[in-house]
PDB file of N, CA and C in Angstrom:
ATOM      1  N   MET A   1      71.931  82.992 114.933  1.00  0.00           N
ATOM      2  CA  MET A   1      73.008  83.476 115.849  1.00  0.00           C
ATOM      3  C   MET A   1      72.226  83.975 116.850  1.00  0.00           C
ATOM      4  N   PRO A   2      72.287  83.733 118.374  1.00  0.00           N
ATOM      5  CA  PRO A   2      71.473  84.350 119.454  1.00  0.00           C
ATOM      6  C   PRO A   2      71.950  86.098 118.945  1.00  0.00           C
ATOM      7  N   THR A   3      70.965  86.772 119.482  1.00  0.00           N
ATOM      8  CA  THR A   3      70.855  88.069 119.321  1.00  0.00           C
ATOM      9  C   THR A   3      72.114  88.338 120.342  1.00  0.00           C
ATOM     10  N   ILE A   4      72.289  88.299 121.630  1.00  0.00           N
ATOM     11  CA  ILE A   4      73.092  88.687 122.494  1.00  0.00           C
ATOM     12  C   ILE A   4      74.637  88.315 121.964  1.00  0.00           C
ATOM     13  N   VAL A   5      74.434  87.211 121.252  1.00  0.00           N
ATOM     14  CA  VAL A   5      75.942  86.794 120.921  1.00  0.00           C
ATOM     15  C   VAL A   5      76.468  88.016 119.557  1.00  0.00           C
ATOM     16  N   ALA A   6      75.351  88.144 118.710  1.00  0.00           N
ATOM     17  CA  ALA A   6      75.446  89.018 117.508  1.00  0.00           C
ATOM     18  C   ALA A   6      75.565  90.428 118.176  1.00  0.00           C
ATOM     19  N   LYS A   7      74.849  90.702 119.225  1.00  0.00           N
ATOM     20  CA  LYS A   7      75.231  92.399 119.515  1.00  0.00           C
ATOM     21  C   LYS A   7      76.712  92.370 119.977  1.00  0.00           C
ATOM     22  N   SER A   8      77.167  91.521 120.906  1.00  0.00           N
ATOM     23  CA  SER A   8      78.377  91.575 121.358  1.00  0.00           C
ATOM     24  C   SER A   8      79.361  91.639 120.506  1.00  0.00           C
ATOM     25  N   ILE A   9      79.428  91.008 119.673  1.00  0.00           N
ATOM     26  CA  ILE A   9      80.188  90.676 118.397  1.00  0.00           C
ATOM     27  C   ILE A   9      80.401  92.149 117.689  1.00  0.00           C
ATOM     28  N   SER A  10      79.270  92.595 117.610  1.00  0.00           N
ATOM     29  CA  SER A  10      79.082  94.369 117.005  1.00  0.00           C
ATOM     30  C   SER A  10      79.555  95.230 117.574  1.00  0.00           C
ATOM     31  N   ILE A  11      79.769  95.141 118.816  1.00  0.00           N
ATOM     32  CA  ILE A  11      79.746  96.087 119.824  1.00  0.00           C
ATOM     33  C   ILE A  11      81.621  95.932 119.827  1.00  0.00           C
ATOM     34  N   LEU A  12      81.966  94.478 119.785  1.00  0.00           N
ATOM     35  CA  LEU A  12      83.653  94.537 119.723  1.00  0.00           C
ATOM     36  C   LEU A  12      84.171  94.963 118.493  1.00  0.00           C
ATOM     37  N   SER A  13      83.552  94.524 117.426  1.00  0.00           N
ATOM     38  CA  SER A  13      84.136  94.984 116.242  1.00  0.00           C
ATOM     39  C   SER A  13      84.141  96.565 115.764  1.00  0.00           C
ATOM     40  N   ASP A  14      82.990  97.072 116.485  1.00  0.00           N
ATOM     41  CA  ASP A  14      83.179  98.698 116.357  1.00  0.00           C
ATOM     42  C   ASP A  14      84.267  99.344 117.422  1.00  0.00           C
ATOM     43  N   ALA A  15      84.111  98.834 118.379  1.00  0.00           N
ATOM     44  CA  ALA A  15      85.128  99.201 119.188  1.00  0.00           C
ATOM     45  C   ALA A  15      86.909  99.102 118.915  1.00  0.00           C
ATOM     46  N   GLY A  16      86.542  97.758 118.259  1.00  0.00           N
ATOM     47  CA  GLY A  16      88.152  97.832 117.753  1.00  0.00           C
ATOM     48  C   GLY A  16      88.701  98.296 116.833  1.00  0.00           C
ATOM     49  N   LEU A  17      87.631  98.469 115.712  1.00  0.00           N
ATOM     50  CA  LEU A  17      88.069  99.529 114.573  1.00  0.00           C
ATOM     51  C   LEU A  17      88.481 101.146 114.860  1.00  0.00           C
ATOM     52  N   GLY A  18      87.618 101.442 115.821  1.00  0.00           N
ATOM     53  CA  GLY A  18      87.860 102.926 116.542  1.00  0.00           C
ATOM     54  C   GLY A  18      89.127 102.588 117.201  1.00  0.00           C
ATOM     55  N   MET A  19      89.649 101.936 118.267  1.00  0.00           N
ATOM     56  CA  MET A  19      90.854 101.530 118.830  1.00  0.00           C
ATOM     57  C   MET A  19      92.095 101.879 118.105  1.00  0.00           C
ATOM     58  N   THR A  20      91.989 100.695 116.871  1.00  0.00           N
ATOM     59  CA  THR A  20      92.887 100.453 116.079  1.00  0.00           C
ATOM     60  C   THR A  20      93.298 101.946 115.145  1.00  0.00           C
ATOM     61  N   MET A  21      92.192 102.523 114.752  1.00  0.00           N
ATOM     62  CA  MET A  21      92.276 104.061 114.297  1.00  0.00           C
ATOM     63  C   MET A  21      93.307 105.047 114.898  1.00  0.00           C
ATOM     64  N   PHE A  22      92.632 104.967 116.163  1.00  0.00           N
ATOM     65  CA  PHE A  22      93.145 105.907 117.124  1.00  0.00           C
ATOM     66  C   PHE A  22      94.825 105.487 117.177  1.00  0.00           C
ATOM     67  N   SER A  23      94.860 103.977 117.410  1.00  0.00           N
ATOM     68  CA  SER A  23      96.311 103.890 117.424  1.00  0.00           C
ATOM     69  C   SER A  23      97.533 103.896 116.405  1.00  0.00           C
ATOM     70  N   LEU A  24      96.616 103.751 115.206  1.00  0.00           N
ATOM     71  CA  LEU A  24      97.444 104.200 113.879  1.00  0.00           C
ATOM     72  C   LEU A  24      97.647 105.714 113.754  1.00  0.00           C
ATOM     73  N   GLY A  25      96.731 106.668 114.264  1.00  0.00           N
ATOM     74  CA  GLY A  25      97.046 108.026 114.254  1.00  0.00           C
ATOM     75  C   GLY A  25      97.945 108.409 115.448  1.00  0.00           C
ATOM     76  N   LEU A  26      97.782 107.951 116.093  1.00  0.00           N
ATOM     77  CA  LEU A  26      99.024 108.236 117.415  1.00  0.00           C
ATOM     78  C   LEU A  26     100.076 107.622 117.136  1.00  0.00           C
ATOM     79  N   PHE A  27     100.504 106.570 116.688  1.00  0.00           N
ATOM     80  CA  PHE A  27     101.934 106.263 115.885  1.00  0.00           C
ATOM     81  C   PHE A  27     102.513 107.050 114.813  1.00  0.00           C
ATOM     82  N   MET A  28     101.046 107.645 114.068  1.00  0.00           N
ATOM     83  CA  MET A  28     102.007 108.516 112.897  1.00  0.00           C
ATOM     84  C   MET A  28     102.343 109.820 113.511  1.00  0.00           C
ATOM     85  N   ALA A  29     101.597 110.274 114.682  1.00  0.00           N
ATOM     86  CA  ALA A  29     101.881 111.563 115.116  1.00  0.00           C
ATOM     87  C   ALA A  29     103.156 111.575 116.047  1.00  0.00           C
ATOM     88  N   LEU A  30     103.478 110.369 116.174  1.00  0.00           N
ATOM     89  CA  LEU A  30     104.631 110.348 117.185  1.00  0.00           C
ATOM     90  C   LEU A  30     105.985 109.702 116.358  1.00  0.00           C
ATOM     91  N   GLN A  31     105.838 110.044 115.192  1.00  0.00           N
ATOM     92  CA  GLN A  31     107.127 109.538 114.533  1.00  0.00           C
ATOM     93  C   GLN A  31     107.733 110.883 114.410  1.00  0.00           C
ATOM     94  N   PRO A  32     109.268 110.887 114.428  1.00  0.00           N
ATOM     95  CA  PRO A  32     109.978 112.244 114.667  1.00  0.00           C
ATOM     96  C   PRO A  32     110.026 112.838 112.838  1.00  0.00           C
ATOM     97  N   LYS A  33     109.813 112.098 112.092  1.00  0.00           N
ATOM     98  CA  LYS A  33     109.941 112.745 110.638  1.00  0.00           C
ATOM     99  C   LYS A  33     108.613 111.736 109.527  1.00  0.00           C
ATOM    100  N   ILE A  34     108.033 112.779 108.498  1.00  0.00           N
ATOM    101  CA  ILE A  34     107.156 112.049 108.139  1.00  0.00           C
ATOM    102  C   ILE A  34     107.832 110.799 107.200  1.00  0.00           C
ATOM    103  N   ILE A  35     108.912 110.665 106.767  1.00  0.00           N
ATOM    104  CA  ILE A  35     109.421 109.961 105.862  1.00  0.00           C
ATOM    105  C   ILE A  35     110.473 109.164 107.121  1.00  0.00           C
ATOM    106  N   ALA A  36     109.783 108.184 108.121  1.00  0.00           N
ATOM    107  CA  ALA A  36     110.179 107.420 109.022  1.00  0.00           C
ATOM    108  C   ALA A  36     111.447 106.595 109.052  1.00  0.00           C
ATOM    109  N   CYS A  37     111.041 105.860 107.532  1.00  0.00           N
ATOM    110  CA  CYS A  37     112.105 104.913 107.190  1.00  0.00           C
ATOM    111  C   CYS A  37     113.081 104.781 106.007  1.00  0.00           C
ATOM    112  N   GLY A  38     113.259 106.096 105.822  1.00  0.00           N
ATOM    113  CA  GLY A  38     114.278 106.501 104.439  1.00  0.00           C
ATOM    114  C   GLY A  38     113.668 107.071 103.260  1.00  0.00           C
ATOM    115  N   ASN A  39     114.090 107.563 102.157  1.00  0.00           N
ATOM    116  CA  ASN A  39     113.789 107.926 100.986  1.00  0.00           C
ATOM    117  C   ASN A  39     113.856 106.923 100.193  1.00  0.00           C
ATOM    118  N   THR A  40     114.472 105.986  99.939  1.00  0.00           N
ATOM    119  CA  THR A  40     114.585 104.675  99.201  1.00  0.00           C
ATOM    120  C   THR A  40     113.675 103.713  99.511  1.00  0.00           C
ATOM    121  N   VAL A  41     113.281 103.360 100.875  1.00  0.00           N
ATOM    122  CA  VAL A  41     112.468 102.209 101.276  1.00  0.00           C
ATOM    123  C   VAL A  41     110.867 103.058 100.998  1.00  0.00           C
ATOM    124  N   ALA A  42     110.673 104.276 101.394  1.00  0.00           N
ATOM    125  CA  ALA A  42     109.560 104.956 100.911  1.00  0.00           C
ATOM    126  C   ALA A  42     109.272 105.059  99.846  1.00  0.00           C
ATOM    127  N   SER A  43     110.140 105.245  98.907  1.00  0.00           N
ATOM    128  CA  SER A  43     109.995 105.458  97.262  1.00  0.00           C
ATOM    129  C   SER A  43     109.584 103.692  96.683  1.00  0.00           C
ATOM    130  N   PHE A  44     110.135 102.779  97.169  1.00  0.00           N
ATOM    131  CA  PHE A  44     109.746 101.293  97.233  1.00  0.00           C
ATOM    132  C   PHE A  44     108.252 101.042  97.381  1.00  0.00           C
ATOM    133  N   ALA A  45     108.120 101.528  98.781  1.00  0.00           N
ATOM    134  CA  ALA A  45     106.697 101.309  99.303  1.00  0.00           C
ATOM    135  C   ALA A  45     105.671 101.794  98.417  1.00  0.00           C
ATOM    136  N   MET A  46     105.914 103.009  97.963  1.00  0.00           N
ATOM    137  CA  MET A  46     105.010 103.831  97.105  1.00  0.00           C
ATOM    138  C   MET A  46     104.851 103.002  95.997  1.00  0.00           C
ATOM    139  N   ALA A  47     106.141 102.318  95.198  1.00  0.00           N
ATOM    140  CA  ALA A  47     105.899 102.081  93.946  1.00  0.00           C
ATOM    141  C   ALA A  47     105.184 100.447  94.212  1.00  0.00           C
ATOM    142  N   VAL A  48     105.232  99.939  95.239  1.00  0.00           N
ATOM    143  CA  VAL A  48     104.508  98.721  95.303  1.00  0.00           C
ATOM    144  C   VAL A  48     102.974  99.005  95.543  1.00  0.00           C
ATOM    145  N   ARG A  49     102.587 100.132  96.197  1.00  0.00           N
ATOM    146  CA  ARG A  49     101.503 100.411  96.721  1.00  0.00           C
ATOM    147  C   ARG A  49     100.519 100.869  95.437  1.00  0.00           C
ATOM    148  N   PHE A  50     101.321 101.517  94.547  1.00  0.00           N
ATOM    149  CA  PHE A  50     100.457 102.314  93.604  1.00  0.00           C
ATOM    150  C   PHE A  50     100.548 101.876  92.007  1.00  0.00           C
ATOM    151  N   LEU A  51     101.795 100.542  92.192  1.00  0.00           N
ATOM    152  CA  LEU A  51     101.740 100.188  90.773  1.00  0.00           C
ATOM    153  C   LEU A  51     101.196  98.539  91.114  1.00  0.00           C
ATOM    154  N   THR A  52     101.257  97.974  92.202  1.00  0.00           N
ATOM    155  CA  THR A  52     101.081  96.417  91.962  1.00  0.00           C
ATOM    156  C   THR A  52      99.758  96.677  92.440  1.00  0.00           C
ATOM    157  N   GLY A  53      99.063  97.464  93.179  1.00  0.00           N
ATOM    158  CA  GLY A  53      97.902  97.471  93.735  1.00  0.00           C
ATOM    159  C   GLY A  53      96.608  97.850  92.591  1.00  0.00           C
ATOM    160  N   PRO A  54      96.984  98.744  91.704  1.00  0.00           N
ATOM    161  CA  PRO A  54      95.815  98.699  90.668  1.00  0.00           C
ATOM    162  C   PRO A  54      96.489  97.607  89.403  1.00  0.00           C
ATOM    163  N   ALA A  55      97.528  97.008  89.529  1.00  0.00           N
ATOM    164  CA  ALA A  55      97.924  95.829  88.802  1.00  0.00           C
ATOM    165  C   ALA A  55      96.798  94.781  88.820  1.00  0.00           C
ATOM    166  N   VAL A  56      97.030  94.107  90.309  1.00  0.00           N
ATOM    167  CA  VAL A  56      96.151  93.279  91.048  1.00  0.00           C
ATOM    168  C   VAL A  56      94.779  93.485  90.714  1.00  0.00           C
ATOM    169  N   MET A  57      94.321  94.981  90.936  1.00  0.00           N
ATOM    170  CA  MET A  57      92.742  95.154  90.882  1.00  0.00           C
ATOM    171  C   MET A  57      92.377  94.816  89.253  1.00  0.00           C
ATOM    172  N   ALA A  58      93.443  95.357  88.327  1.00  0.00           N
ATOM    173  CA  ALA A  58      93.071  95.070  86.826  1.00  0.00           C
ATOM    174  C   ALA A  58      92.701  93.718  86.620  1.00  0.00           C
ATOM    175  N   VAL A  59      93.844  92.586  87.136  1.00  0.00           N
ATOM    176  CA  VAL A  59      93.441  91.419  86.786  1.00  0.00           C
ATOM    177  C   VAL A  59      92.409  90.677  87.482  1.00  0.00           C
ATOM    178  N   ALA A  60      92.104  91.314  88.712  1.00  0.00           N
ATOM    179  CA  ALA A  60      90.872  90.775  89.321  1.00  0.00           C
ATOM    180  C   ALA A  60      89.612  91.222  88.676  1.00  0.00           C
ATOM    181  N   SER A  61      89.375  92.637  88.186  1.00  0.00           N
ATOM    182  CA  SER A  61      88.248  92.743  87.356  1.00  0.00           C
ATOM    183  C   SER A  61      88.119  92.108  85.973  1.00  0.00           C
ATOM    184  N   VAL A  62      89.256  92.011  85.620  1.00  0.00           N
ATOM    185  CA  VAL A  62      89.139  91.009  84.355  1.00  0.00           C
ATOM    186  C   VAL A  62      88.518  89.721  84.437  1.00  0.00           C
ATOM    187  N   VAL A  63      88.953  88.761  85.463  1.00  0.00           N
ATOM    188  CA  VAL A  63      88.724  87.655  86.151  1.00  0.00           C
ATOM    189  C   VAL A  63      87.289  87.539  86.299  1.00  0.00           C
ATOM    190  N   VAL A  64      86.662  88.622  86.754  1.00  0.00           N
ATOM    191  CA  VAL A  64      85.339  88.766  87.423  1.00  0.00           C
ATOM    192  C   VAL A  64      84.375  89.309  86.245  1.00  0.00           C
ATOM    193  N   GLY A  65      84.979  89.928  85.447  1.00  0.00           N
ATOM    194  CA  GLY A  65      84.243  90.526  84.051  1.00  0.00           C
ATOM    195  C   GLY A  65      83.642  91.993  84.807  1.00  0.00           C
ATOM    196  N   LEU A  66      84.492  92.625  85.437  1.00  0.00           N
ATOM    197  CA  LEU A  66      83.826  93.920  85.803  1.00  0.00           C
ATOM    198  C   LEU A  66      84.236  94.876  84.870  1.00  0.00           C
ATOM    199  N   ARG A  67      83.177  95.714  84.365  1.00  0.00           N
ATOM    200  CA  ARG A  67      83.467  96.715  83.412  1.00  0.00           C
ATOM    201  C   ARG A  67      82.797  98.047  83.433  1.00  0.00           C
ATOM    202  N   GLY A  68      83.759  99.189  83.331  1.00  0.00           N
ATOM    203  CA  GLY A  68      83.112 100.562  83.469  1.00  0.00           C
ATOM    204  C   GLY A  68      82.325 101.018  82.765  1.00  0.00           C
ATOM    205  N   VAL A  69      81.462 101.629  83.000  1.00  0.00           N
ATOM    206  CA  VAL A  69      80.605 102.906  82.261  1.00  0.00           C
ATOM    207  C   VAL A  69      80.627 104.108  82.199  1.00  0.00           C
ATOM    208  N   CYS A  70      81.645 104.645  82.751  1.00  0.00           N
ATOM    209  CA  CYS A  70      81.648 105.921  83.100  1.00  0.00           C
ATOM    210  C   CYS A  70      82.199 106.784  82.037  1.00  0.00           C
ATOM    211  N   CYS A  71      82.688 106.181  81.025  1.00  0.00           N
ATOM    212  CA  CYS A  71      83.146 106.933  79.616  1.00  0.00           C
ATOM    213  C   CYS A  71      83.033 106.295  78.505  1.00  0.00           C
ATOM    214  N   THR A  72      82.725 106.803  77.238  1.00  0.00           N
ATOM    215  CA  THR A  72      82.826 105.670  76.261  1.00  0.00           C
ATOM    216  C   THR A  72      83.984 105.096  75.659  1.00  0.00           C
ATOM    217  N   LEU A  73      85.143 105.469  76.269  1.00  0.00           N
ATOM    218  CA  LEU A  73      86.204 105.187  75.943  1.00  0.00           C
ATOM    219  C   LEU A  73      86.314 104.014  76.880  1.00  0.00           C
ATOM    220  N   PRO A  74      86.633 102.566  76.160  1.00  0.00           N
ATOM    221  CA  PRO A  74      86.821 101.296  77.491  1.00  0.00           C
ATOM    222  C   PRO A  74      88.033 101.410  78.616  1.00  0.00           C
ATOM    223  N   LEU A  75      89.027 101.886  77.784  1.00  0.00           N
ATOM    224  CA  LEU A  75      90.382 101.772  78.395  1.00  0.00           C
ATOM    225  C   LEU A  75      90.375 102.983  79.838  1.00  0.00           C
ATOM    226  N   TYR A  76      89.859 104.086  79.318  1.00  0.00           N
ATOM    227  CA  TYR A  76      89.847 105.314  80.311  1.00  0.00           C
ATOM    228  C   TYR A  76      88.817 104.892  81.287  1.00  0.00           C
ATOM    229  N   SER A  77      87.846 104.338  80.896  1.00  0.00           N
ATOM    230  CA  SER A  77      86.787 103.912  82.001  1.00  0.00           C
ATOM    231  C   SER A  77      87.659 102.840  82.957  1.00  0.00           C
ATOM    232  N   LEU A  78      87.964 101.966  82.124  1.00  0.00           N
ATOM    233  CA  LEU A  78      88.358 100.921  83.165  1.00  0.00           C
ATOM    234  C   LEU A  78      89.793 101.392  83.936  1.00  0.00           C
ATOM    235  N   ILE A  79      90.368 102.349  83.740  1.00  0.00           N
ATOM    236  CA  ILE A  79      91.465 103.180  84.442  1.00  0.00           C
ATOM    237  C   ILE A  79      90.786 103.917  85.453  1.00  0.00           C
ATOM    238  N   ILE A  80      89.682 104.545  85.364  1.00  0.00           N
ATOM    239  CA  ILE A  80      89.059 105.329  86.245  1.00  0.00           C
ATOM    240  C   ILE A  80      88.398 104.294  87.148  1.00  0.00           C
ATOM    241  N   ASN A  81      87.928 103.483  87.067  1.00  0.00           N
ATOM    242  CA  ASN A  81      87.191 102.479  88.114  1.00  0.00           C
ATOM    243  C   ASN A  81      88.360 101.706  88.616  1.00  0.00           C
ATOM    244  N   LEU A  82      89.810 101.307  88.275  1.00  0.00           N
ATOM    245  CA  LEU A  82      90.865 100.896  89.084  1.00  0.00           C
ATOM    246  C   LEU A  82      91.285 101.676  89.809  1.00  0.00           C
ATOM    247  N   ILE A  83      91.463 103.133  89.598  1.00  0.00           N
ATOM    248  CA  ILE A  83      91.864 104.491  90.653  1.00  0.00           C
ATOM    249  C   ILE A  83      90.848 104.095  91.548  1.00  0.00           C
ATOM    250  N   LEU A  84      89.479 104.383  91.621  1.00  0.00           N
ATOM    251  CA  LEU A  84      88.666 104.651  92.483  1.00  0.00           C
ATOM    252  C   LEU A  84      88.398 103.250  93.147  1.00  0.00           C
ATOM    253  N   GLN A  85      88.589 102.332  92.841  1.00  0.00           N
ATOM    254  CA  GLN A  85      88.874 100.712  93.617  1.00  0.00           C
ATOM    255  C   GLN A  85      90.001 100.881  94.618  1.00  0.00           C
ATOM    256  N   CYS A  86      90.868 101.153  94.053  1.00  0.00           N
ATOM    257  CA  CYS A  86      92.021 101.226  94.777  1.00  0.00           C
ATOM    258  C   CYS A  86      92.144 102.209  96.054  1.00  0.00           C
ATOM    259  N   ASN A  87      91.523 103.241  95.918  1.00  0.00           N
ATOM    260  CA  ASN A  87      91.319 104.565  96.657  1.00  0.00           C
ATOM    261  C   ASN A  87      90.172 103.740  97.832  1.00  0.00           C
ATOM    262  N   ALA A  88      89.289 103.180  97.101  1.00  0.00           N
ATOM    263  CA  ALA A  88      88.204 102.776  97.965  1.00  0.00           C
ATOM    264  C   ALA A  88      89.103 101.684  99.279  1.00  0.00           C
ATOM    265  N   ALA A  89      90.053 101.275  98.867  1.00  0.00           N
ATOM    266  CA  ALA A  89      90.898 100.339  99.597  1.00  0.00           C
ATOM    267  C   ALA A  89      91.618 100.880 100.887  1.00  0.00           C
ATOM    268  N   LEU A  90      91.521 101.963 100.870  1.00  0.00           N
ATOM    269  CA  LEU A  90      92.546 102.692 101.719  1.00  0.00           C
ATOM    270  C   LEU A  90      92.658 102.247 103.083  1.00  0.00           C
ATOM    271  N   PRO A  91      91.400 101.821 103.973  1.00  0.00           N
ATOM    272  CA  PRO A  91      91.552 101.367 105.043  1.00  0.00           C
ATOM    273  C   PRO A  91      92.612 100.174 105.215  1.00  0.00           C
ATOM    274  N   GLN A  92      93.121  99.859 104.010  1.00  0.00           N
ATOM    275  CA  GLN A  92      93.672  98.524 104.198  1.00  0.00           C
ATOM    276  C   GLN A  92      94.938  98.689 105.035  1.00  0.00           C
ATOM    277  N   GLY A  93      95.065  99.897 105.380  1.00  0.00           N
ATOM    278  CA  GLY A  93      96.714 100.170 106.182  1.00  0.00           C
ATOM    279  C   GLY A  93      96.161  99.916 107.650  1.00  0.00           C
ATOM    280  N   ILE A  94      95.092  99.701 107.964  1.00  0.00           N
ATOM    281  CA  ILE A  94      94.768  99.373 109.583  1.00  0.00           C
ATOM    282  C   ILE A  94      94.778  98.070 110.058  1.00  0.00           C
ATOM    283  N   VAL A  95      94.770  96.989 109.369  1.00  0.00           N
ATOM    284  CA  VAL A  95      94.893  95.605 109.742  1.00  0.00           C
ATOM    285  C   VAL A  95      96.414  95.287 109.876  1.00  0.00           C
ATOM    286  N   PRO A  96      97.388  95.360 108.605  1.00  0.00           N
ATOM    287  CA  PRO A  96      98.425  95.366 108.609  1.00  0.00           C
ATOM    288  C   PRO A  96      99.580  95.996 109.447  1.00  0.00           C
ATOM    289  N   PHE A  97      98.823  97.169 109.979  1.00  0.00           N
ATOM    290  CA  PHE A  97      99.628  98.148 111.135  1.00  0.00           C
ATOM    291  C   PHE A  97      99.345  97.403 112.616  1.00  0.00           C
ATOM    292  N   VAL A  98      98.583  96.867 112.705  1.00  0.00           N
ATOM    293  CA  VAL A  98      98.050  96.274 113.765  1.00  0.00           C
ATOM    294  C   VAL A  98      99.067  95.043 113.962  1.00  0.00           C
ATOM    295  N   PHE A  99      99.295  94.213 112.724  1.00  0.00           N
ATOM    296  CA  PHE A  99     100.355  93.093 112.976  1.00  0.00           C
ATOM    297  C   PHE A  99     101.335  93.419 113.060  1.00  0.00           C
ATOM    298  N   ALA A 100     101.968  94.616 112.231  1.00  0.00           N
ATOM    299  CA  ALA A 100     103.226  95.388 111.890  1.00  0.00           C
ATOM    300  C   ALA A 100     103.514  95.582 113.557  1.00  0.00           C
ATOM    301  N   LYS A 101     102.808  96.724 114.176  1.00  0.00           N
ATOM    302  CA  LYS A 101     103.239  97.048 115.468  1.00  0.00           C
ATOM    303  C   LYS A 101     103.165  96.057 116.247  1.00  0.00           C
ATOM    304  N   GLU A 102     102.198  95.052 116.240  1.00  0.00           N
ATOM    305  CA  GLU A 102     102.215  93.908 117.515  1.00  0.00           C
ATOM    306  C   GLU A 102     103.407  92.982 117.405  1.00  0.00           C
ATOM    307  N   TYR A 103     104.001  92.745 116.240  1.00  0.00           N
ATOM    308  CA  TYR A 103     105.376  91.961 116.156  1.00  0.00           C
ATOM    309  C   TYR A 103     106.662  92.791 115.718  1.00  0.00           C
ATOM    310  N   ASN A 104     106.430  93.831 115.831  1.00  0.00           N
ATOM    311  CA  ASN A 104     107.371  94.748 115.557  1.00  0.00           C
ATOM    312  C   ASN A 104     108.217  94.460 114.540  1.00  0.00           C
ATOM    313  N   ILE A 105     107.393  94.592 113.498  1.00  0.00           N
ATOM    314  CA  ILE A 105     107.877  94.169 111.520  1.00  0.00           C
ATOM    315  C   ILE A 105     107.572  95.184 111.148  1.00  0.00           C
ATOM    316  N   HIS A 106     108.397  96.462 110.848  1.00  0.00           N
ATOM    317  CA  HIS A 106     108.531  97.481 110.201  1.00  0.00           C
ATOM    318  C   HIS A 106     107.292  98.384 110.340  1.00  0.00           C
ATOM    319  N   PRO A 107     106.934  98.835 111.095  1.00  0.00           N
ATOM    320  CA  PRO A 107     105.724  99.301 111.604  1.00  0.00           C
ATOM    321  C   PRO A 107     105.728 100.972 110.701  1.00  0.00           C
ATOM    322  N   ASP A 108     107.419 101.368 110.775  1.00  0.00           N
ATOM    323  CA  ASP A 108     107.559 102.777 110.135  1.00  0.00           C
ATOM    324  C   ASP A 108     107.459 102.815 108.898  1.00  0.00           C
ATOM    325  N   ILE A 109     108.008 101.691 108.351  1.00  0.00           N
ATOM    326  CA  ILE A 109     107.929 101.672 106.543  1.00  0.00           C
ATOM    327  C   ILE A 109     106.124 101.600 106.183  1.00  0.00           C
ATOM    328  N   LEU A 110     105.343 100.727 106.671  1.00  0.00           N
ATOM    329  CA  LEU A 110     103.980 100.835 106.821  1.00  0.00           C
ATOM    330  C   LEU A 110     103.271 101.925 106.913  1.00  0.00           C
ATOM    331  N   ILE A 111     103.835 102.739 108.265  1.00  0.00           N
ATOM    332  CA  ILE A 111     102.894 104.156 108.400  1.00  0.00           C
ATOM    333  C   ILE A 111     103.249 104.892 107.432  1.00  0.00           C
ATOM    334  N   THR A 112     104.608 105.210 106.923  1.00  0.00           N
ATOM    335  CA  THR A 112     105.165 106.153 105.628  1.00  0.00           C
ATOM    336  C   THR A 112     104.122 105.707 104.898  1.00  0.00           C
ATOM    337  N   GLY A 113     103.984 104.261 104.152  1.00  0.00           N
ATOM    338  CA  GLY A 113     103.088 104.170 103.132  1.00  0.00           C
ATOM    339  C   GLY A 113     101.868 104.721 103.126  1.00  0.00           C
ATOM    340  N   VAL A 114     101.275 104.587 104.390  1.00  0.00           N
ATOM    341  CA  VAL A 114      99.901 104.882 104.720  1.00  0.00           C
ATOM    342  C   VAL A 114      99.595 106.340 104.624  1.00  0.00           C
ATOM    343  N   ILE A 115     100.782 107.159 105.168  1.00  0.00           N
ATOM    344  CA  ILE A 115     100.925 108.882 105.141  1.00  0.00           C
ATOM    345  C   ILE A 115     100.756 109.155 103.754  1.00  0.00           C
ATOM    346  N   PHE A 116     101.802 108.566 102.916  1.00  0.00           N
ATOM    347  CA  PHE A 116     101.862 109.093 101.501  1.00  0.00           C
ATOM    348  C   PHE A 116     100.713 108.521 100.688  1.00  0.00           C
ATOM    349  N   GLY A 117     100.234 107.654 101.037  1.00  0.00           N
ATOM    350  CA  GLY A 117      99.324 106.817 100.359  1.00  0.00           C
ATOM    351  C   GLY A 117      98.122 107.733 100.187  1.00  0.00           C
ATOM    352  N   MET A 118      97.829 108.522 101.430  1.00  0.00           N
ATOM    353  CA  MET A 118      96.593 109.194 101.676  1.00  0.00           C
ATOM    354  C   MET A 118      96.786 110.392 101.123  1.00  0.00           C
ATOM    355  N   LEU A 119      98.054 110.868 101.179  1.00  0.00           N
ATOM    356  CA  LEU A 119      98.332 112.235 100.855  1.00  0.00           C
ATOM    357  C   LEU A 119      97.996 112.204  99.125  1.00  0.00           C
ATOM    358  N   ILE A 120      98.587 111.168  98.433  1.00  0.00           N
ATOM    359  CA  ILE A 120      98.669 111.164  97.120  1.00  0.00           C
ATOM    360  C   ILE A 120      97.223 110.541  96.624  1.00  0.00           C
ATOM    361  N   ALA A 121      96.445 109.823  97.235  1.00  0.00           N
ATOM    362  CA  ALA A 121      95.171 109.278  97.095  1.00  0.00           C
ATOM    363  C   ALA A 121      93.853 110.791  97.019  1.00  0.00           C
ATOM    364  N   LEU A 122      94.487 111.281  97.871  1.00  0.00           N
ATOM    365  CA  LEU A 122      92.973 112.417  98.139  1.00  0.00           C
ATOM    366  C   LEU A 122      92.926 113.006  96.841  1.00  0.00           C
ATOM    367  N   PRO A 123      93.778 113.705  96.175  1.00  0.00           N
ATOM    368  CA  PRO A 123      93.608 114.515  95.040  1.00  0.00           C
ATOM    369  C   PRO A 123      93.214 113.499  94.217  1.00  0.00           C
ATOM    370  N   ILE A 124      93.672 112.555  94.016  1.00  0.00           N
ATOM    371  CA  ILE A 124      93.027 111.503  92.761  1.00  0.00           C
ATOM    372  C   ILE A 124      91.605 111.101  93.169  1.00  0.00           C
ATOM    373  N   THR A 125      91.293 110.962  94.298  1.00  0.00           N
ATOM    374  CA  THR A 125      89.808 110.953  94.530  1.00  0.00           C
ATOM    375  C   THR A 125      88.935 112.056  94.466  1.00  0.00           C
ATOM    376  N   LEU A 126      89.629 113.103  94.757  1.00  0.00           N
ATOM    377  CA  LEU A 126      88.541 114.637  94.240  1.00  0.00           C
ATOM    378  C   LEU A 126      88.382 114.713  93.067  1.00  0.00           C
ATOM    379  N   VAL A 127      89.762 114.534  92.040  1.00  0.00           N
ATOM    380  CA  VAL A 127      89.490 114.816  90.739  1.00  0.00           C
ATOM    381  C   VAL A 127      88.397 114.036  89.734  1.00  0.00           C
ATOM    382  N   PRO A 128      88.062 113.068  89.988  1.00  0.00           N
ATOM    383  CA  PRO A 128      87.106 112.458  88.830  1.00  0.00           C
ATOM    384  C   PRO A 128      85.658 113.225  89.349  1.00  0.00           C
TER     385      PRO A 128
END
């Protein structure tokens, strides 16, 4: 790939990520309440995020043969690795937010999930 094309793509991708994060933060700040979509929907969104996400990660880890080495207990090691891997994927709210906002498909549910996901994941990330 020519250098000018590669650099242009790099500049666009860097600017796009920053603008998307700014838009995400602005949309969060403009919400009238922290739970903008209701308690029931927010609870369901959190259940999907924190139960389905680690379950999918566990299956993917077993399929590719990923094993942990942080503890002598293999189950504990696997759980810690799954939590850290799911927390490492926190920016996953950025791209779905762009599509949800663009097509107006429940961006309030997504933003509530992102807010609570970050609030819950922060202490989990800092503890191990």
